[in-house]
Amino acid sequence: MLSDEQIKNLKDDFEKLNTNLNQLENAIHTETQSPSTLKH
């Protein structure tokens, strides 16, 4: 079994991953919504 401390750490890591994923999705959404940023 995992200790309470390990579970807490895993939850913290999961929260960080979720935050990073949301930021990435927002960035992709922004890129796809604004054609001006896609010009080379």
N, C-alpha and C. Protein backbone atom coordinates (compact mmCIF):
# COMPACT_ATOMS: atom_id res chain seq x y z
N MET A 1 0.83 -1.21 0.00
CA MET A 1 0.00 0.00 0.00
C MET A 1 0.87 1.26 0.00
N LEU A 2 0.32 2.30 -0.59
CA LEU A 2 1.01 3.59 -0.56
C LEU A 2 0.74 4.28 0.77
N SER A 3 1.75 4.99 1.24
CA SER A 3 1.55 5.77 2.45
C SER A 3 0.80 7.05 2.11
N ASP A 4 0.26 7.70 3.13
CA ASP A 4 -0.46 8.96 2.91
C ASP A 4 0.45 9.99 2.22
N GLU A 5 1.72 9.98 2.63
CA GLU A 5 2.68 10.93 2.07
C GLU A 5 2.88 10.67 0.57
N GLN A 6 3.01 9.40 0.20
CA GLN A 6 3.19 9.05 -1.21
C GLN A 6 1.96 9.43 -2.04
N ILE A 7 0.79 9.17 -1.47
CA ILE A 7 -0.45 9.52 -2.16
C ILE A 7 -0.54 11.03 -2.36
N LYS A 8 -0.19 11.78 -1.33
CA LYS A 8 -0.22 13.25 -1.43
C LYS A 8 0.74 13.72 -2.52
N ASN A 9 1.93 13.13 -2.58
CA ASN A 9 2.92 13.51 -3.59
C ASN A 9 2.42 13.18 -5.00
N LEU A 10 1.80 12.03 -5.14
CA LEU A 10 1.26 11.63 -6.44
C LEU A 10 0.17 12.59 -6.89
N LYS A 11 -0.68 12.99 -5.95
CA LYS A 11 -1.75 13.95 -6.27
C LYS A 11 -1.17 15.28 -6.70
N ASP A 12 -0.11 15.73 -6.01
CA ASP A 12 0.55 16.98 -6.37
C ASP A 12 1.14 16.90 -7.78
N ASP A 13 1.80 15.77 -8.07
CA ASP A 13 2.38 15.58 -9.40
C ASP A 13 1.29 15.58 -10.46
N PHE A 14 0.18 14.93 -10.16
CA PHE A 14 -0.92 14.85 -11.10
C PHE A 14 -1.51 16.23 -11.38
N GLU A 15 -1.63 17.03 -10.32
CA GLU A 15 -2.13 18.41 -10.47
C GLU A 15 -1.20 19.21 -11.39
N LYS A 16 0.11 19.05 -11.20
CA LYS A 16 1.08 19.77 -12.03
C LYS A 16 0.95 19.35 -13.49
N LEU A 17 0.80 18.04 -13.72
CA LEU A 17 0.64 17.54 -15.08
C LEU A 17 -0.63 18.08 -15.71
N ASN A 18 -1.70 18.12 -14.94
CA ASN A 18 -2.96 18.65 -15.43
C ASN A 18 -2.83 20.10 -15.83
N THR A 19 -2.14 20.87 -15.00
CA THR A 19 -1.92 22.29 -15.27
C THR A 19 -1.12 22.47 -16.55
N ASN A 20 -0.05 21.67 -16.69
CA ASN A 20 0.78 21.75 -17.89
C ASN A 20 -0.02 21.38 -19.13
N LEU A 21 -0.85 20.36 -19.01
CA LEU A 21 -1.67 19.92 -20.14
C LEU A 21 -2.65 21.01 -20.55
N ASN A 22 -3.28 21.64 -19.57
CA ASN A 22 -4.23 22.72 -19.86
C ASN A 22 -3.53 23.88 -20.56
N GLN A 23 -2.33 24.22 -20.09
CA GLN A 23 -1.58 25.32 -20.70
C GLN A 23 -1.22 24.97 -22.14
N LEU A 24 -0.83 23.72 -22.37
CA LEU A 24 -0.48 23.27 -23.72
C LEU A 24 -1.69 23.31 -24.64
N GLU A 25 -2.83 22.83 -24.14
CA GLU A 25 -4.06 22.86 -24.94
C GLU A 25 -4.46 24.29 -25.28
N ASN A 26 -4.33 25.19 -24.31
CA ASN A 26 -4.65 26.60 -24.55
C ASN A 26 -3.73 27.20 -25.60
N ALA A 27 -2.45 26.84 -25.52
CA ALA A 27 -1.47 27.35 -26.48
C ALA A 27 -1.80 26.85 -27.89
N ILE A 28 -2.13 25.58 -28.01
CA ILE A 28 -2.48 25.00 -29.31
C ILE A 28 -3.75 25.66 -29.84
N HIS A 29 -4.72 25.85 -28.97
CA HIS A 29 -5.98 26.48 -29.37
C HIS A 29 -5.72 27.89 -29.87
N THR A 30 -4.88 28.63 -29.16
CA THR A 30 -4.54 30.00 -29.55
C THR A 30 -3.86 30.01 -30.91
N GLU A 31 -2.92 29.09 -31.10
CA GLU A 31 -2.20 29.01 -32.37
C GLU A 31 -3.15 28.74 -33.53
N THR A 32 -4.08 27.82 -33.33
CA THR A 32 -4.97 27.44 -34.42
C THR A 32 -6.04 28.49 -34.68
N GLN A 33 -6.31 29.33 -33.66
CA GLN A 33 -7.35 30.35 -33.82
C GLN A 33 -6.83 31.64 -34.44
N SER A 34 -5.51 31.87 -34.39
CA SER A 34 -4.97 33.12 -34.94
C SER A 34 -4.02 32.85 -36.09
N PRO A 35 -4.51 32.96 -37.31
CA PRO A 35 -3.71 32.66 -38.51
C PRO A 35 -2.45 33.51 -38.62
N SER A 36 -2.46 34.70 -38.04
CA SER A 36 -1.31 35.60 -38.15
C SER A 36 -0.05 34.97 -37.55
N THR A 37 -0.22 34.11 -36.54
CA THR A 37 0.94 33.51 -35.90
C THR A 37 1.50 32.36 -36.74
N LEU A 38 0.74 31.92 -37.71
CA LEU A 38 1.17 30.79 -38.53
C LEU A 38 1.96 31.22 -39.77
N LYS A 39 2.00 32.50 -40.03
CA LYS A 39 2.76 33.00 -41.18
C LYS A 39 4.24 32.76 -40.98
N HIS A 40 4.90 32.33 -42.05
CA HIS A 40 6.34 32.07 -41.97
C HIS A 40 7.11 33.16 -42.69
